[in-house]
Protein backbone atom coordinates (compact mmCIF):
# COMPACT_ATOMS: atom_id res chain seq x y z
CA MET A 1 -57.48 57.17 129.36
CA LEU A 2 -55.33 54.85 130.09
CA SER A 3 -56.73 50.90 129.52
CA LYS A 4 -56.45 49.11 133.30
CA SER A 5 -55.36 46.22 130.96
CA SER A 6 -52.58 48.14 130.07
CA ARG A 7 -51.29 48.59 133.69
CA GLU A 8 -52.12 45.07 134.38
CA GLU A 9 -49.59 44.10 131.80
CA ILE A 10 -46.85 45.88 133.35
CA VAL A 11 -47.66 44.35 136.15
CA ARG A 12 -47.74 41.04 134.87
CA LYS A 13 -43.97 41.41 133.73
CA ILE A 14 -43.26 42.96 136.80
CA GLU A 15 -44.07 39.54 138.67
CA PHE A 16 -42.60 37.57 136.23
CA LYS A 17 -39.28 39.29 136.13
CA ASN A 18 -39.11 39.16 139.83
CA GLY A 19 -41.39 35.41 140.64
CA TYR A 20 -43.87 37.25 143.26
CA PRO A 21 -46.51 38.99 143.43
CA LEU A 22 -46.64 42.90 143.36
CA LYS A 23 -48.32 44.74 145.89
CA GLU A 24 -48.86 47.82 144.92
CA GLU A 25 -50.08 49.36 148.45
CA PHE A 26 -46.44 48.61 149.75
CA LEU A 27 -45.00 50.72 146.52
CA THR A 28 -43.74 54.28 146.48
CA PRO A 29 -46.08 56.44 144.54
CA ALA A 30 -42.95 57.34 142.17
CA THR A 31 -42.81 53.76 141.85
CA ARG A 32 -46.54 53.18 141.09
CA GLN A 33 -46.50 56.28 138.61
CA ALA A 34 -43.83 55.10 136.94
CA ILE A 35 -45.43 51.90 136.47
CA THR A 36 -48.70 53.77 134.83
CA ASN A 37 -46.04 55.88 132.78
CA VAL A 38 -44.46 52.80 131.33
CA ALA A 39 -48.31 51.37 130.55
CA THR A 40 -50.17 54.56 128.89
CA VAL A 41 -46.46 54.20 126.43
CA GLN A 42 -47.02 50.99 126.19
CA ARG A 43 -51.33 51.19 125.04
CA HIS A 44 -49.87 54.40 122.65
CA LEU A 45 -47.12 51.74 121.20
CA PHE A 46 -49.39 49.58 120.39
CA VAL A 47 -51.97 51.83 118.84
CA VAL A 48 -49.50 52.92 116.38
CA MET A 49 -48.20 48.95 115.77
CA GLU A 50 -52.31 48.42 114.91
CA LEU A 51 -51.95 51.76 112.38
CA LEU A 52 -49.30 50.04 110.50
CA ARG A 53 -50.37 46.58 111.07
CA GLY A 54 -54.27 48.13 108.99
CA GLU A 55 -52.05 49.78 106.85
CA ASN A 56 -50.32 46.73 105.81
CA GLY A 57 -53.40 44.53 105.69
CA ARG A 58 -54.81 47.11 104.09
CA ILE A 59 -52.09 46.64 101.04
CA GLU A 60 -52.18 42.94 101.05
CA ARG A 61 -55.86 43.36 100.59
CA SER A 62 -55.70 45.99 97.51
CA ALA A 63 -54.49 44.15 93.89
CA VAL A 64 -53.65 47.37 92.84
CA LEU A 65 -51.94 48.28 95.93
CA ARG A 66 -50.52 45.02 95.96
CA ALA A 67 -49.24 45.19 92.25
CA ALA A 68 -47.58 48.27 93.19
CA SER A 69 -45.39 47.26 96.69
CA LYS A 70 -43.89 44.78 93.83
CA LEU A 71 -43.07 46.35 91.24
CA GLY A 72 -41.41 48.86 93.84
CA LYS A 73 -43.87 52.19 93.28
CA ASP A 74 -44.88 52.35 96.56
CA SER A 75 -43.30 55.12 98.09
CA GLU A 76 -44.57 54.69 101.92
CA LYS A 77 -42.91 50.72 101.47
CA LYS A 78 -39.83 52.39 103.11
CA GLU A 79 -41.54 54.55 105.48
CA ARG A 80 -43.87 51.72 106.83
CA ALA A 81 -40.44 49.39 106.99
CA ALA A 82 -38.35 52.20 109.24
CA LEU A 83 -41.50 52.83 111.53
CA ALA A 84 -42.14 48.60 112.38
CA ASP A 85 -38.23 48.50 112.80
CA GLU A 86 -38.58 51.61 115.37
CA ILE A 87 -41.34 50.24 116.88
CA GLY A 88 -40.07 46.62 117.61
CA LYS A 89 -36.81 49.46 118.84
CA LEU A 90 -39.15 51.33 120.87
CA GLN A 91 -41.04 48.08 122.59
CA MET A 92 -37.13 46.31 123.68
CA GLU A 93 -37.12 50.31 125.19
CA ILE A 94 -40.04 49.41 127.37
CA ASP A 95 -39.28 45.89 128.53
CA SER A 96 -35.73 47.40 129.36
CA LYS A 97 -37.77 50.21 131.46
CA VAL A 98 -39.68 47.25 133.09
CA SER A 99 -36.63 44.98 134.32
CA GLU A 100 -35.60 48.76 135.55
CA ILE A 101 -38.98 48.67 137.77
CA ALA A 102 -38.91 45.43 138.27
CA ALA A 103 -35.02 46.24 139.77
CA TRP A 104 -36.21 49.33 141.56
CA VAL A 105 -39.28 47.06 143.11
CA ILE A 106 -36.93 44.84 145.13
CA SER A 107 -34.95 47.20 146.58
CA GLU A 108 -38.03 48.96 147.48
CA ASP A 109 -39.46 46.01 148.96
CA ASN A 110 -35.92 45.24 150.91
CA ALA A 111 -36.38 48.99 151.93
CA ARG A 112 -39.56 48.11 153.54
CA LEU A 113 -38.78 44.61 154.91
CA ALA A 114 -35.98 46.16 156.67
CA GLY A 115 -37.32 48.82 158.18
CA ILE A 116 -35.88 51.41 156.42
CA SER A 117 -37.09 54.29 154.54
CA PRO A 118 -37.22 53.06 150.24
CA PRO A 119 -34.33 54.31 147.94
CA ARG A 120 -35.98 57.69 146.22
CA TYR A 121 -37.34 57.12 142.97
CA LEU A 122 -34.87 59.09 139.94
CA GLY A 123 -37.47 59.02 137.64
CA LYS A 124 -40.02 61.35 135.63
CA LEU A 125 -43.13 61.66 138.52
CA GLU A 126 -45.70 63.51 136.59
CA PRO A 127 -48.10 61.51 133.93
CA VAL A 128 -46.83 60.93 130.55
CA GLU A 129 -48.84 61.97 127.74
CA PHE A 130 -48.39 63.65 123.87
CA LYS A 131 -47.63 66.65 123.39
CA CYS A 132 -48.19 68.58 120.78
CA PRO A 133 -44.75 70.13 120.14
CA SER A 134 -45.67 73.42 118.57
CA CYS A 135 -47.62 74.32 121.30
CA GLY A 136 -47.40 72.07 124.20
CA ALA A 137 -51.22 70.98 124.21
CA GLN A 138 -52.23 67.50 124.64
CA LEU A 139 -52.21 65.45 121.50
CA PRO A 140 -54.78 62.78 121.67
CA PHE A 141 -54.56 59.16 120.05
CA PRO A 142 -53.39 58.61 116.51
CA THR A 143 -55.85 57.15 114.42
CA GLY A 144 -54.55 57.46 111.37
CA HIS A 145 -51.00 58.18 109.39
CA THR A 146 -51.41 61.30 111.19
CA ILE A 147 -52.21 63.77 114.42
CA THR A 148 -53.84 67.09 114.45
CA CYS A 149 -53.33 69.98 116.82
CA LYS A 150 -56.53 70.74 117.94
CA TYR A 151 -55.76 73.82 119.05
CA CYS A 152 -52.96 74.76 116.88
CA ASN A 153 -53.68 72.97 113.70
CA SER A 154 -50.27 70.98 113.57
CA THR A 155 -50.29 67.91 112.39
CA PHE A 156 -47.69 65.34 112.72
CA THR A 157 -46.98 61.55 110.99
CA LEU A 158 -46.90 58.81 112.84
CA GLN A 159 -42.84 58.89 112.76
CA ASP A 160 -43.01 62.18 114.57
CA VAL A 161 -45.53 60.20 117.41
CA SER A 162 -42.49 57.13 117.34
CA SER A 163 -39.96 60.33 118.21
CA GLN A 164 -41.41 61.51 121.25
CA LEU A 165 -42.88 57.84 121.96
CA LYS A 166 -38.70 57.51 122.64
CA SER A 167 -38.53 60.31 124.92
CA MET A 168 -41.06 59.34 126.66
CA ILE A 169 -39.56 55.91 127.87
CA GLN A 170 -36.35 57.78 128.04
CA GLY A 171 -37.59 59.89 130.86
CA ILE A 172 -39.43 57.32 133.57
């Protein structure tokens, strides 16, 4: 379920970009859905960031793992670095999408004030969610390095999740 604070964070970002409070009751359903979709993706990205942060913290707290990392014996170090880089890129894409929605909100407000119909939002109108690439079932939030589909038992890594997040952002 979408955390209310994730959606509120996106609304605050839009308000900051536009310089005035957002009145959602004046927005079209498509724009409200776009805000919800961005908030959903933001929340998924936050979960992935926290998992990565936890893994890095676990390595730093363990003398053996820390030593292995310094000696170049940490086989997953490159994967974690690549995932951290991917997370940064995804966050920039989310910020770009928030800017697009902020501009869209202004165009809707201008149309409403002019007494004309708002322009039609061209983004994805259905809610975004993680889906299993194998069977299409909804996947749960990641809780570790891998996610297992409860229907077909396919297993996916956090890197797989980040690529799905990217496609979710592009569809909004």
